[in-house]
N, C-alpha and C. Protein backbone atom coordinates (compact mmCIF):
# COMPACT_ATOMS: atom_id res chain seq x y z
N MET A 1 -27.39 18.90 -53.14
CA MET A 1 -27.98 18.20 -54.27
C MET A 1 -29.44 17.87 -53.96
N LYS A 2 -30.22 17.74 -55.01
CA LYS A 2 -31.62 17.37 -54.86
C LYS A 2 -31.92 16.23 -55.84
N MET A 3 -32.73 15.28 -55.39
CA MET A 3 -33.10 14.18 -56.25
C MET A 3 -34.60 13.97 -56.24
N TYR A 4 -35.20 13.96 -57.42
CA TYR A 4 -36.59 13.52 -57.53
C TYR A 4 -36.59 12.02 -57.26
N TYR A 5 -37.43 11.63 -56.31
CA TYR A 5 -37.19 10.39 -55.59
C TYR A 5 -38.47 9.59 -55.37
N SER A 6 -38.36 8.29 -55.48
CA SER A 6 -39.42 7.39 -55.04
C SER A 6 -38.76 6.24 -54.29
N PRO A 7 -39.17 5.96 -53.07
CA PRO A 7 -38.52 4.89 -52.30
C PRO A 7 -38.76 3.51 -52.88
N ALA A 8 -39.74 3.35 -53.76
CA ALA A 8 -40.02 2.05 -54.36
C ALA A 8 -39.24 1.81 -55.65
N SER A 9 -38.60 2.85 -56.19
CA SER A 9 -37.91 2.72 -57.47
C SER A 9 -36.57 2.00 -57.30
N PRO A 10 -36.35 0.92 -58.04
CA PRO A 10 -35.06 0.24 -57.96
C PRO A 10 -33.95 1.07 -58.60
N PHE A 11 -34.30 1.95 -59.53
CA PHE A 11 -33.29 2.79 -60.15
C PHE A 11 -32.84 3.90 -59.19
N VAL A 12 -33.77 4.42 -58.40
CA VAL A 12 -33.40 5.32 -57.32
C VAL A 12 -32.52 4.58 -56.32
N ARG A 13 -32.87 3.35 -56.03
CA ARG A 13 -32.10 2.58 -55.04
C ARG A 13 -30.65 2.42 -55.47
N LYS A 14 -30.41 2.18 -56.75
CA LYS A 14 -29.03 2.11 -57.26
C LYS A 14 -28.24 3.34 -56.85
N CYS A 15 -28.82 4.50 -57.13
CA CYS A 15 -28.14 5.76 -56.85
C CYS A 15 -27.92 5.96 -55.35
N MET A 16 -28.93 5.65 -54.57
CA MET A 16 -28.82 5.88 -53.14
C MET A 16 -27.89 4.88 -52.47
N PHE A 17 -27.78 3.66 -53.01
CA PHE A 17 -26.79 2.72 -52.50
C PHE A 17 -25.40 3.33 -52.62
N ILE A 18 -25.09 3.85 -53.80
CA ILE A 18 -23.77 4.45 -54.01
C ILE A 18 -23.59 5.66 -53.11
N ALA A 19 -24.63 6.48 -52.98
CA ALA A 19 -24.54 7.65 -52.11
C ALA A 19 -24.26 7.25 -50.67
N HIS A 20 -24.95 6.24 -50.18
CA HIS A 20 -24.70 5.77 -48.81
C HIS A 20 -23.29 5.21 -48.68
N HIS A 21 -22.87 4.41 -49.61
CA HIS A 21 -21.56 3.77 -49.55
C HIS A 21 -20.44 4.80 -49.53
N LEU A 22 -20.64 5.91 -50.24
CA LEU A 22 -19.60 6.93 -50.35
C LEU A 22 -19.78 8.09 -49.37
N GLY A 23 -20.76 7.99 -48.48
CA GLY A 23 -20.97 9.04 -47.50
C GLY A 23 -21.59 10.30 -48.06
N LEU A 24 -22.34 10.16 -49.13
CA LEU A 24 -22.95 11.32 -49.78
C LEU A 24 -24.45 11.44 -49.52
N ALA A 25 -25.04 10.44 -48.89
CA ALA A 25 -26.50 10.40 -48.78
C ALA A 25 -27.07 11.62 -48.07
N ASP A 26 -26.38 12.10 -47.05
CA ASP A 26 -26.90 13.25 -46.30
C ASP A 26 -26.84 14.54 -47.09
N ARG A 27 -26.13 14.54 -48.20
CA ARG A 27 -26.04 15.75 -49.04
C ARG A 27 -27.14 15.80 -50.08
N ILE A 28 -27.97 14.76 -50.14
CA ILE A 28 -29.02 14.70 -51.16
C ILE A 28 -30.38 14.98 -50.53
N GLU A 29 -31.01 16.05 -50.95
CA GLU A 29 -32.38 16.34 -50.52
C GLU A 29 -33.33 15.54 -51.41
N LYS A 30 -34.17 14.74 -50.78
CA LYS A 30 -35.09 13.89 -51.53
C LYS A 30 -36.38 14.65 -51.80
N LEU A 31 -36.69 14.80 -53.08
CA LEU A 31 -37.91 15.50 -53.49
C LEU A 31 -38.98 14.45 -53.81
N PRO A 32 -40.01 14.34 -52.98
CA PRO A 32 -41.05 13.34 -53.24
C PRO A 32 -41.66 13.54 -54.61
N SER A 33 -41.89 12.45 -55.30
CA SER A 33 -42.44 12.54 -56.64
C SER A 33 -43.38 11.38 -56.89
N ALA A 34 -44.20 11.53 -57.90
CA ALA A 34 -45.17 10.49 -58.25
C ALA A 34 -44.99 10.15 -59.72
N ALA A 35 -43.80 9.68 -60.07
CA ALA A 35 -43.53 9.29 -61.45
C ALA A 35 -44.48 8.16 -61.87
N HIS A 36 -44.98 8.24 -63.08
CA HIS A 36 -46.00 7.31 -63.55
C HIS A 36 -45.86 7.19 -65.06
N PRO A 37 -46.06 6.00 -65.63
CA PRO A 37 -45.86 5.85 -67.07
C PRO A 37 -46.89 6.58 -67.93
N VAL A 38 -48.03 6.93 -67.36
CA VAL A 38 -49.07 7.61 -68.12
C VAL A 38 -49.28 9.03 -67.59
N ASN A 39 -49.60 9.13 -66.31
CA ASN A 39 -49.85 10.43 -65.68
C ASN A 39 -48.54 10.95 -65.10
N ARG A 40 -47.76 11.56 -65.96
CA ARG A 40 -46.41 11.96 -65.55
C ARG A 40 -46.45 13.09 -64.53
N ASP A 41 -45.52 13.04 -63.58
CA ASP A 41 -45.43 14.05 -62.53
C ASP A 41 -44.93 15.35 -63.13
N LYS A 42 -45.79 16.36 -63.16
CA LYS A 42 -45.44 17.63 -63.81
C LYS A 42 -44.36 18.39 -63.05
N SER A 43 -44.13 18.03 -61.79
CA SER A 43 -43.07 18.71 -61.06
C SER A 43 -41.68 18.30 -61.55
N ILE A 44 -41.59 17.12 -62.17
CA ILE A 44 -40.29 16.64 -62.67
C ILE A 44 -40.00 17.18 -64.06
N LEU A 45 -41.05 17.42 -64.86
CA LEU A 45 -40.88 17.73 -66.29
C LEU A 45 -39.97 18.92 -66.57
N PRO A 46 -39.99 20.00 -65.78
CA PRO A 46 -39.08 21.10 -66.09
C PRO A 46 -37.60 20.70 -66.01
N SER A 47 -37.31 19.69 -65.21
CA SER A 47 -35.93 19.23 -65.08
C SER A 47 -35.61 18.07 -66.00
N ASN A 48 -36.57 17.16 -66.17
CA ASN A 48 -36.37 15.98 -66.99
C ASN A 48 -37.58 15.81 -67.90
N PRO A 49 -37.42 16.00 -69.20
CA PRO A 49 -38.57 15.91 -70.11
C PRO A 49 -39.26 14.56 -70.08
N LEU A 50 -38.56 13.52 -69.61
CA LEU A 50 -39.17 12.20 -69.53
C LEU A 50 -40.03 12.04 -68.28
N GLY A 51 -39.88 12.95 -67.33
CA GLY A 51 -40.69 12.90 -66.11
C GLY A 51 -40.42 11.68 -65.26
N GLN A 52 -39.17 11.22 -65.23
CA GLN A 52 -38.84 9.98 -64.56
C GLN A 52 -37.94 10.21 -63.35
N VAL A 53 -37.99 9.26 -62.43
CA VAL A 53 -37.02 9.20 -61.35
C VAL A 53 -36.05 8.06 -61.64
N PRO A 54 -34.80 8.23 -61.17
CA PRO A 54 -34.25 9.39 -60.47
C PRO A 54 -33.84 10.49 -61.44
N THR A 55 -33.99 11.71 -60.97
CA THR A 55 -33.45 12.89 -61.64
C THR A 55 -32.70 13.68 -60.58
N LEU A 56 -31.44 13.99 -60.83
CA LEU A 56 -30.59 14.65 -59.83
C LEU A 56 -30.28 16.06 -60.28
N VAL A 57 -30.43 17.02 -59.36
CA VAL A 57 -30.00 18.39 -59.58
C VAL A 57 -28.77 18.60 -58.71
N THR A 58 -27.63 18.86 -59.33
CA THR A 58 -26.38 19.00 -58.59
C THR A 58 -26.34 20.35 -57.87
N ASP A 59 -25.32 20.50 -57.03
CA ASP A 59 -25.19 21.74 -56.26
C ASP A 59 -24.98 22.95 -57.15
N ASP A 60 -24.43 22.75 -58.34
CA ASP A 60 -24.24 23.88 -59.25
C ASP A 60 -25.35 24.00 -60.28
N GLY A 61 -26.45 23.26 -60.07
CA GLY A 61 -27.63 23.41 -60.91
C GLY A 61 -27.68 22.54 -62.15
N MET A 62 -26.70 21.68 -62.35
CA MET A 62 -26.74 20.77 -63.49
C MET A 62 -27.75 19.67 -63.21
N VAL A 63 -28.51 19.27 -64.24
CA VAL A 63 -29.51 18.22 -64.09
C VAL A 63 -29.01 16.96 -64.76
N LEU A 64 -29.08 15.85 -64.03
CA LEU A 64 -28.57 14.57 -64.53
C LEU A 64 -29.66 13.50 -64.47
N PHE A 65 -29.74 12.69 -65.48
CA PHE A 65 -30.59 11.49 -65.52
C PHE A 65 -30.04 10.63 -66.64
N ASP A 66 -30.21 9.31 -66.62
CA ASP A 66 -30.96 8.47 -65.71
C ASP A 66 -30.02 7.92 -64.63
N SER A 67 -30.37 6.74 -64.06
CA SER A 67 -29.59 6.20 -62.95
C SER A 67 -28.14 5.93 -63.34
N ARG A 68 -27.90 5.52 -64.59
CA ARG A 68 -26.53 5.21 -65.01
C ARG A 68 -25.65 6.44 -64.96
N VAL A 69 -26.19 7.56 -65.39
CA VAL A 69 -25.43 8.81 -65.37
C VAL A 69 -25.25 9.30 -63.94
N ILE A 70 -26.32 9.25 -63.15
CA ILE A 70 -26.25 9.73 -61.77
C ILE A 70 -25.26 8.89 -60.97
N CYS A 71 -25.30 7.58 -61.15
CA CYS A 71 -24.37 6.72 -60.40
C CYS A 71 -22.92 7.06 -60.72
N GLU A 72 -22.64 7.30 -61.98
CA GLU A 72 -21.25 7.62 -62.34
C GLU A 72 -20.85 8.99 -61.80
N TYR A 73 -21.79 9.93 -61.80
CA TYR A 73 -21.50 11.24 -61.22
C TYR A 73 -21.18 11.12 -59.73
N LEU A 74 -22.02 10.39 -59.01
CA LEU A 74 -21.80 10.23 -57.57
C LEU A 74 -20.49 9.50 -57.29
N ASP A 75 -20.15 8.54 -58.13
CA ASP A 75 -18.91 7.81 -57.97
C ASP A 75 -17.70 8.74 -58.10
N GLN A 76 -17.75 9.62 -59.10
CA GLN A 76 -16.65 10.57 -59.26
C GLN A 76 -16.63 11.59 -58.13
N LEU A 77 -17.82 12.05 -57.73
CA LEU A 77 -17.89 13.05 -56.66
C LEU A 77 -17.32 12.50 -55.37
N GLY A 78 -17.64 11.24 -55.07
CA GLY A 78 -17.19 10.63 -53.83
C GLY A 78 -15.87 9.89 -53.94
N LYS A 79 -15.22 10.02 -55.11
CA LYS A 79 -13.94 9.35 -55.35
C LYS A 79 -14.06 7.85 -55.07
N GLY A 80 -15.10 7.26 -55.63
CA GLY A 80 -15.36 5.84 -55.42
C GLY A 80 -14.70 4.98 -56.47
N SER A 81 -15.06 3.72 -56.46
CA SER A 81 -14.47 2.76 -57.41
C SER A 81 -15.55 1.83 -57.98
N PHE A 82 -16.77 2.34 -58.08
CA PHE A 82 -17.85 1.53 -58.62
C PHE A 82 -17.71 1.31 -60.13
N PHE A 83 -16.99 2.20 -60.80
CA PHE A 83 -16.79 2.10 -62.24
C PHE A 83 -15.31 1.88 -62.51
N PRO A 84 -14.89 0.63 -62.75
CA PRO A 84 -13.48 0.40 -63.07
C PRO A 84 -13.03 1.29 -64.22
N ALA A 85 -11.80 1.78 -64.13
CA ALA A 85 -11.35 2.80 -65.08
C ALA A 85 -11.13 2.26 -66.48
N SER A 86 -10.67 1.03 -66.59
CA SER A 86 -10.33 0.53 -67.92
C SER A 86 -10.22 -0.99 -67.89
N GLY A 87 -10.02 -1.55 -69.08
CA GLY A 87 -9.75 -2.96 -69.20
C GLY A 87 -10.97 -3.84 -69.05
N ALA A 88 -10.71 -5.14 -68.90
CA ALA A 88 -11.79 -6.13 -68.86
C ALA A 88 -12.74 -5.89 -67.69
N ALA A 89 -12.22 -5.43 -66.55
CA ALA A 89 -13.08 -5.21 -65.38
C ALA A 89 -14.13 -4.14 -65.67
N ARG A 90 -13.74 -3.11 -66.43
CA ARG A 90 -14.71 -2.05 -66.76
C ARG A 90 -15.82 -2.60 -67.65
N TRP A 91 -15.45 -3.32 -68.69
CA TRP A 91 -16.47 -3.81 -69.62
C TRP A 91 -17.35 -4.86 -68.97
N LYS A 92 -16.79 -5.65 -68.06
CA LYS A 92 -17.60 -6.63 -67.33
C LYS A 92 -18.64 -5.93 -66.46
N ALA A 93 -18.19 -4.91 -65.71
CA ALA A 93 -19.11 -4.19 -64.82
C ALA A 93 -20.21 -3.48 -65.60
N LEU A 94 -19.84 -2.83 -66.71
CA LEU A 94 -20.83 -2.11 -67.49
C LEU A 94 -21.82 -3.05 -68.17
N THR A 95 -21.32 -4.20 -68.63
CA THR A 95 -22.22 -5.16 -69.26
C THR A 95 -23.17 -5.77 -68.24
N GLU A 96 -22.67 -6.07 -67.05
CA GLU A 96 -23.55 -6.59 -66.00
C GLU A 96 -24.58 -5.55 -65.60
N GLN A 97 -24.17 -4.28 -65.55
CA GLN A 97 -25.15 -3.23 -65.27
C GLN A 97 -26.25 -3.22 -66.34
N SER A 98 -25.85 -3.33 -67.59
CA SER A 98 -26.82 -3.30 -68.69
C SER A 98 -27.80 -4.47 -68.59
N LEU A 99 -27.29 -5.67 -68.30
CA LEU A 99 -28.16 -6.83 -68.19
C LEU A 99 -29.10 -6.69 -66.99
N ALA A 100 -28.58 -6.28 -65.86
CA ALA A 100 -29.43 -6.12 -64.67
C ALA A 100 -30.45 -5.00 -64.87
N ASP A 101 -30.06 -3.93 -65.55
CA ASP A 101 -31.03 -2.88 -65.90
C ASP A 101 -32.13 -3.45 -66.80
N GLY A 102 -31.74 -4.33 -67.73
CA GLY A 102 -32.73 -4.96 -68.61
C GLY A 102 -33.71 -5.82 -67.85
N VAL A 103 -33.21 -6.55 -66.85
CA VAL A 103 -34.09 -7.33 -65.97
C VAL A 103 -35.06 -6.40 -65.26
N LEU A 104 -34.56 -5.27 -64.79
CA LEU A 104 -35.42 -4.30 -64.11
C LEU A 104 -36.45 -3.70 -65.07
N ASP A 105 -36.02 -3.38 -66.27
CA ASP A 105 -36.97 -2.84 -67.26
C ASP A 105 -38.11 -3.83 -67.50
N ALA A 106 -37.76 -5.10 -67.66
CA ALA A 106 -38.78 -6.12 -67.90
C ALA A 106 -39.71 -6.25 -66.69
N ALA A 107 -39.15 -6.17 -65.49
CA ALA A 107 -39.96 -6.26 -64.28
C ALA A 107 -40.91 -5.07 -64.18
N LEU A 108 -40.43 -3.88 -64.50
CA LEU A 108 -41.29 -2.70 -64.43
C LEU A 108 -42.41 -2.77 -65.47
N LEU A 109 -42.09 -3.24 -66.67
CA LEU A 109 -43.12 -3.37 -67.69
C LEU A 109 -44.19 -4.38 -67.27
N SER A 110 -43.76 -5.46 -66.65
CA SER A 110 -44.72 -6.44 -66.15
C SER A 110 -45.56 -5.86 -65.03
N ARG A 111 -44.93 -5.10 -64.17
CA ARG A 111 -45.64 -4.44 -63.08
C ARG A 111 -46.69 -3.47 -63.63
N TYR A 112 -46.30 -2.66 -64.59
CA TYR A 112 -47.23 -1.69 -65.17
C TYR A 112 -48.39 -2.39 -65.89
N GLU A 113 -48.08 -3.49 -66.55
CA GLU A 113 -49.12 -4.22 -67.28
C GLU A 113 -50.22 -4.68 -66.33
N GLY A 114 -49.80 -5.14 -65.14
CA GLY A 114 -50.79 -5.64 -64.19
C GLY A 114 -51.41 -4.60 -63.30
N ALA A 115 -50.66 -3.52 -63.02
CA ALA A 115 -51.13 -2.54 -62.03
C ALA A 115 -51.67 -1.25 -62.64
N VAL A 116 -51.28 -0.96 -63.89
CA VAL A 116 -51.65 0.33 -64.49
C VAL A 116 -52.56 0.16 -65.70
N ARG A 117 -52.24 -0.80 -66.56
CA ARG A 117 -53.04 -0.95 -67.77
C ARG A 117 -54.44 -1.47 -67.42
N PRO A 118 -55.49 -0.90 -68.00
CA PRO A 118 -56.84 -1.43 -67.76
C PRO A 118 -56.91 -2.91 -68.11
N GLU A 119 -57.65 -3.65 -67.30
CA GLU A 119 -57.67 -5.11 -67.45
C GLU A 119 -58.08 -5.56 -68.84
N SER A 120 -58.99 -4.85 -69.47
CA SER A 120 -59.47 -5.27 -70.79
C SER A 120 -58.40 -5.12 -71.87
N PHE A 121 -57.34 -4.36 -71.59
CA PHE A 121 -56.28 -4.15 -72.57
C PHE A 121 -55.02 -4.97 -72.25
N ARG A 122 -55.03 -5.73 -71.21
CA ARG A 122 -53.83 -6.48 -70.84
C ARG A 122 -53.59 -7.63 -71.81
N TRP A 123 -52.31 -7.91 -72.03
CA TRP A 123 -51.90 -8.92 -72.99
C TRP A 123 -51.02 -9.93 -72.26
N ALA A 124 -51.56 -11.14 -72.06
CA ALA A 124 -50.85 -12.16 -71.29
C ALA A 124 -49.52 -12.53 -71.92
N ASP A 125 -49.47 -12.59 -73.26
CA ASP A 125 -48.22 -12.95 -73.93
C ASP A 125 -47.14 -11.89 -73.72
N TRP A 126 -47.57 -10.64 -73.62
CA TRP A 126 -46.62 -9.55 -73.34
C TRP A 126 -45.97 -9.77 -71.98
N THR A 127 -46.80 -10.01 -70.98
CA THR A 127 -46.26 -10.23 -69.64
C THR A 127 -45.37 -11.46 -69.61
N ALA A 128 -45.79 -12.53 -70.27
CA ALA A 128 -44.98 -13.75 -70.30
C ALA A 128 -43.62 -13.49 -70.93
N GLY A 129 -43.61 -12.66 -71.98
CA GLY A 129 -42.34 -12.33 -72.64
C GLY A 129 -41.40 -11.57 -71.73
N GLN A 130 -41.96 -10.63 -70.96
CA GLN A 130 -41.13 -9.87 -70.02
C GLN A 130 -40.61 -10.77 -68.89
N MET A 131 -41.47 -11.63 -68.39
CA MET A 131 -41.05 -12.52 -67.31
C MET A 131 -39.99 -13.51 -67.80
N ASP A 132 -40.06 -13.87 -69.08
CA ASP A 132 -39.03 -14.76 -69.63
C ASP A 132 -37.69 -14.04 -69.71
N LYS A 133 -37.70 -12.76 -70.05
CA LYS A 133 -36.47 -11.98 -70.03
C LYS A 133 -35.84 -12.02 -68.63
N ILE A 134 -36.68 -11.88 -67.62
CA ILE A 134 -36.18 -11.92 -66.24
C ILE A 134 -35.55 -13.27 -65.95
N ALA A 135 -36.26 -14.34 -66.29
CA ALA A 135 -35.78 -15.68 -65.99
C ALA A 135 -34.46 -15.98 -66.70
N VAL A 136 -34.36 -15.62 -67.97
CA VAL A 136 -33.15 -15.89 -68.73
C VAL A 136 -32.00 -15.02 -68.24
N GLY A 137 -32.31 -13.77 -67.89
CA GLY A 137 -31.29 -12.89 -67.34
C GLY A 137 -30.72 -13.43 -66.04
N LEU A 138 -31.59 -13.91 -65.17
CA LEU A 138 -31.13 -14.47 -63.90
C LEU A 138 -30.33 -15.75 -64.12
N SER A 139 -30.71 -16.54 -65.12
CA SER A 139 -29.96 -17.76 -65.43
C SER A 139 -28.53 -17.42 -65.85
N HIS A 140 -28.38 -16.34 -66.59
CA HIS A 140 -27.03 -15.90 -66.97
C HIS A 140 -26.21 -15.56 -65.73
N PHE A 141 -26.81 -14.78 -64.83
CA PHE A 141 -26.08 -14.43 -63.60
C PHE A 141 -25.81 -15.66 -62.75
N GLU A 142 -26.74 -16.60 -62.73
CA GLU A 142 -26.55 -17.84 -61.96
C GLU A 142 -25.29 -18.57 -62.43
N ARG A 143 -25.04 -18.57 -63.72
CA ARG A 143 -23.86 -19.26 -64.27
C ARG A 143 -22.58 -18.48 -64.05
N SER A 144 -22.69 -17.16 -63.94
CA SER A 144 -21.47 -16.35 -63.91
C SER A 144 -21.12 -15.81 -62.53
N ILE A 145 -22.07 -15.82 -61.60
CA ILE A 145 -21.81 -15.21 -60.30
C ILE A 145 -20.89 -16.08 -59.47
N ASP A 146 -19.99 -15.45 -58.77
CA ASP A 146 -19.14 -16.15 -57.80
C ASP A 146 -19.73 -15.88 -56.42
N ALA A 147 -20.39 -16.89 -55.87
CA ALA A 147 -21.13 -16.70 -54.62
C ALA A 147 -20.22 -16.31 -53.47
N LYS A 148 -18.94 -16.61 -53.58
CA LYS A 148 -18.03 -16.31 -52.49
C LYS A 148 -17.38 -14.94 -52.62
N ALA A 149 -17.48 -14.35 -53.80
CA ALA A 149 -16.83 -13.06 -54.05
C ALA A 149 -17.79 -11.93 -53.70
N GLN A 150 -17.28 -10.91 -53.10
CA GLN A 150 -18.10 -9.74 -52.80
C GLN A 150 -17.55 -8.52 -53.54
N ARG A 151 -17.46 -8.67 -54.85
CA ARG A 151 -17.08 -7.56 -55.70
C ARG A 151 -18.21 -6.53 -55.67
N ILE A 152 -17.86 -5.30 -55.37
CA ILE A 152 -18.86 -4.24 -55.30
C ILE A 152 -18.53 -3.23 -56.39
N ASP A 153 -19.29 -3.28 -57.48
CA ASP A 153 -19.14 -2.31 -58.56
C ASP A 153 -20.53 -2.06 -59.13
N ILE A 154 -20.59 -1.26 -60.19
CA ILE A 154 -21.90 -0.88 -60.70
C ILE A 154 -22.69 -2.07 -61.22
N GLY A 155 -21.99 -3.12 -61.66
CA GLY A 155 -22.68 -4.32 -62.11
C GLY A 155 -23.36 -5.05 -60.98
N THR A 156 -22.62 -5.29 -59.90
CA THR A 156 -23.21 -6.05 -58.79
C THR A 156 -24.24 -5.21 -58.03
N VAL A 157 -24.03 -3.90 -57.95
CA VAL A 157 -25.02 -3.05 -57.28
C VAL A 157 -26.34 -3.10 -58.04
N THR A 158 -26.28 -3.01 -59.36
CA THR A 158 -27.51 -3.05 -60.16
C THR A 158 -28.18 -4.41 -60.04
N LEU A 159 -27.39 -5.46 -60.03
CA LEU A 159 -27.95 -6.80 -59.84
C LEU A 159 -28.63 -6.91 -58.48
N GLY A 160 -27.99 -6.44 -57.44
CA GLY A 160 -28.59 -6.49 -56.11
C GLY A 160 -29.91 -5.75 -56.05
N CYS A 161 -29.98 -4.58 -56.70
CA CYS A 161 -31.22 -3.80 -56.71
C CYS A 161 -32.29 -4.51 -57.53
N ALA A 162 -31.89 -5.19 -58.60
CA ALA A 162 -32.86 -5.93 -59.42
C ALA A 162 -33.46 -7.08 -58.62
N LEU A 163 -32.64 -7.82 -57.92
CA LEU A 163 -33.15 -8.94 -57.11
C LEU A 163 -34.03 -8.43 -55.97
N GLY A 164 -33.63 -7.32 -55.38
CA GLY A 164 -34.46 -6.73 -54.33
C GLY A 164 -35.81 -6.30 -54.85
N TYR A 165 -35.85 -5.78 -56.09
CA TYR A 165 -37.12 -5.36 -56.66
C TYR A 165 -38.01 -6.57 -56.95
N LEU A 166 -37.41 -7.66 -57.41
CA LEU A 166 -38.20 -8.88 -57.63
C LEU A 166 -38.81 -9.36 -56.32
N ASP A 167 -38.05 -9.32 -55.25
CA ASP A 167 -38.60 -9.71 -53.94
C ASP A 167 -39.73 -8.78 -53.52
N PHE A 168 -39.60 -7.51 -53.86
CA PHE A 168 -40.57 -6.50 -53.45
C PHE A 168 -41.88 -6.60 -54.24
N ARG A 169 -41.77 -6.73 -55.56
CA ARG A 169 -42.96 -6.67 -56.41
C ARG A 169 -43.43 -8.04 -56.91
N PHE A 170 -42.53 -9.02 -56.94
CA PHE A 170 -42.88 -10.34 -57.48
C PHE A 170 -42.42 -11.43 -56.51
N PRO A 171 -42.92 -11.40 -55.28
CA PRO A 171 -42.42 -12.34 -54.27
C PRO A 171 -42.76 -13.79 -54.55
N ASP A 172 -43.67 -14.04 -55.47
CA ASP A 172 -44.12 -15.41 -55.70
C ASP A 172 -43.45 -16.10 -56.88
N ILE A 173 -42.50 -15.44 -57.56
CA ILE A 173 -41.93 -16.09 -58.74
C ILE A 173 -40.89 -17.15 -58.39
N GLY A 174 -40.42 -17.14 -57.14
CA GLY A 174 -39.52 -18.20 -56.70
C GLY A 174 -38.20 -18.27 -57.44
N TRP A 175 -37.58 -17.13 -57.68
CA TRP A 175 -36.33 -17.11 -58.45
C TRP A 175 -35.19 -17.84 -57.75
N ARG A 176 -35.24 -17.90 -56.43
CA ARG A 176 -34.14 -18.55 -55.70
C ARG A 176 -34.06 -20.05 -55.98
N GLY A 177 -35.20 -20.70 -56.16
CA GLY A 177 -35.20 -22.14 -56.38
C GLY A 177 -34.45 -22.56 -57.62
N LYS A 178 -34.50 -21.72 -58.65
CA LYS A 178 -33.81 -22.04 -59.90
C LYS A 178 -32.39 -21.47 -59.95
N ASN A 179 -32.06 -20.63 -58.99
CA ASN A 179 -30.77 -19.92 -59.03
C ASN A 179 -30.11 -19.94 -57.65
N PRO A 180 -29.71 -21.10 -57.16
CA PRO A 180 -29.18 -21.20 -55.80
C PRO A 180 -27.88 -20.43 -55.59
N ASN A 181 -27.00 -20.39 -56.61
CA ASN A 181 -25.77 -19.62 -56.45
C ASN A 181 -26.07 -18.14 -56.31
N LEU A 182 -27.00 -17.66 -57.14
CA LEU A 182 -27.40 -16.27 -57.09
C LEU A 182 -28.07 -15.94 -55.76
N ALA A 183 -28.88 -16.88 -55.28
CA ALA A 183 -29.55 -16.67 -53.99
C ALA A 183 -28.54 -16.55 -52.86
N GLY A 184 -27.51 -17.40 -52.89
CA GLY A 184 -26.48 -17.32 -51.86
C GLY A 184 -25.71 -16.02 -51.92
N TRP A 185 -25.39 -15.60 -53.14
CA TRP A 185 -24.70 -14.32 -53.30
C TRP A 185 -25.56 -13.17 -52.77
N PHE A 186 -26.85 -13.18 -53.11
CA PHE A 186 -27.73 -12.07 -52.72
C PHE A 186 -27.93 -12.02 -51.21
N GLU A 187 -27.94 -13.17 -50.57
CA GLU A 187 -28.10 -13.17 -49.11
C GLU A 187 -27.00 -12.36 -48.45
N THR A 188 -25.78 -12.52 -48.94
CA THR A 188 -24.66 -11.76 -48.38
C THR A 188 -24.69 -10.31 -48.83
N PHE A 189 -24.95 -10.10 -50.13
CA PHE A 189 -24.91 -8.74 -50.66
C PHE A 189 -26.02 -7.88 -50.05
N SER A 190 -27.17 -8.46 -49.84
CA SER A 190 -28.29 -7.67 -49.32
C SER A 190 -28.09 -7.23 -47.88
N ALA A 191 -27.10 -7.81 -47.20
CA ALA A 191 -26.81 -7.41 -45.83
C ALA A 191 -25.90 -6.19 -45.75
N LEU A 192 -25.36 -5.75 -46.88
CA LEU A 192 -24.50 -4.57 -46.88
C LEU A 192 -25.27 -3.36 -46.37
N PRO A 193 -24.58 -2.46 -45.65
CA PRO A 193 -25.28 -1.28 -45.11
C PRO A 193 -26.04 -0.48 -46.16
N GLY A 194 -25.46 -0.33 -47.36
CA GLY A 194 -26.14 0.43 -48.41
C GLY A 194 -27.43 -0.21 -48.85
N MET A 195 -27.49 -1.54 -48.84
CA MET A 195 -28.72 -2.24 -49.20
C MET A 195 -29.75 -2.13 -48.08
N GLN A 196 -29.29 -2.24 -46.87
CA GLN A 196 -30.21 -2.13 -45.73
C GLN A 196 -30.81 -0.73 -45.63
N ALA A 197 -30.01 0.28 -45.94
CA ALA A 197 -30.48 1.68 -45.82
C ALA A 197 -31.44 2.06 -46.93
N THR A 198 -31.47 1.28 -48.02
CA THR A 198 -32.28 1.68 -49.17
C THR A 198 -33.41 0.69 -49.45
N LYS A 199 -33.78 -0.12 -48.48
CA LYS A 199 -34.87 -1.07 -48.69
C LYS A 199 -36.16 -0.35 -49.09
N PRO A 200 -36.90 -0.88 -50.06
CA PRO A 200 -38.18 -0.27 -50.39
C PRO A 200 -39.17 -0.46 -49.25
N PRO A 201 -40.19 0.37 -49.20
CA PRO A 201 -41.19 0.21 -48.12
C PRO A 201 -41.85 -1.15 -48.20
N GLY A 202 -42.10 -1.76 -47.04
CA GLY A 202 -42.63 -3.11 -47.09
C GLY A 202 -43.70 -3.35 -46.05
């Protein structure tokens, strides 16, 4: 398998966490890429019209994107249990994945606003709106997370990658102070081998 890859991407990290956990990481050739919201990497476009990472090319040549699809593919390939098959557990995991992905989307938009958009075009209210999405999303997890439980599914993996990205790109927002239960949960979750193996460059 081949994956268009960026070590700083939290969405790539989701996929690689699952790959490491299921013993598939060594089967994935990482293709360096420079995905960008404006200057799209032309090497990715023939495989993914959106020019985004992660994009996975399977051993039989099928192309998969985005992270949600790739994670489910890897889970089936490795006979994992990241996606509960049915019932309340499935809908809980998928909904948590959606919320944590939304937190990540807001974080990336805030990052792009400050790092990519020319300063004269930046909109402070836009950034504030995205950061509020992050804060409210984390407050939801703070109320619902069981700090003592180490449930590992697509919901908690996405949440772990979202919190790791906040530490990586927004170290000064102090999310732990307002979310002590979430902070305690993340301290344990971030020690998992899959999280340690996929840390962004620092």
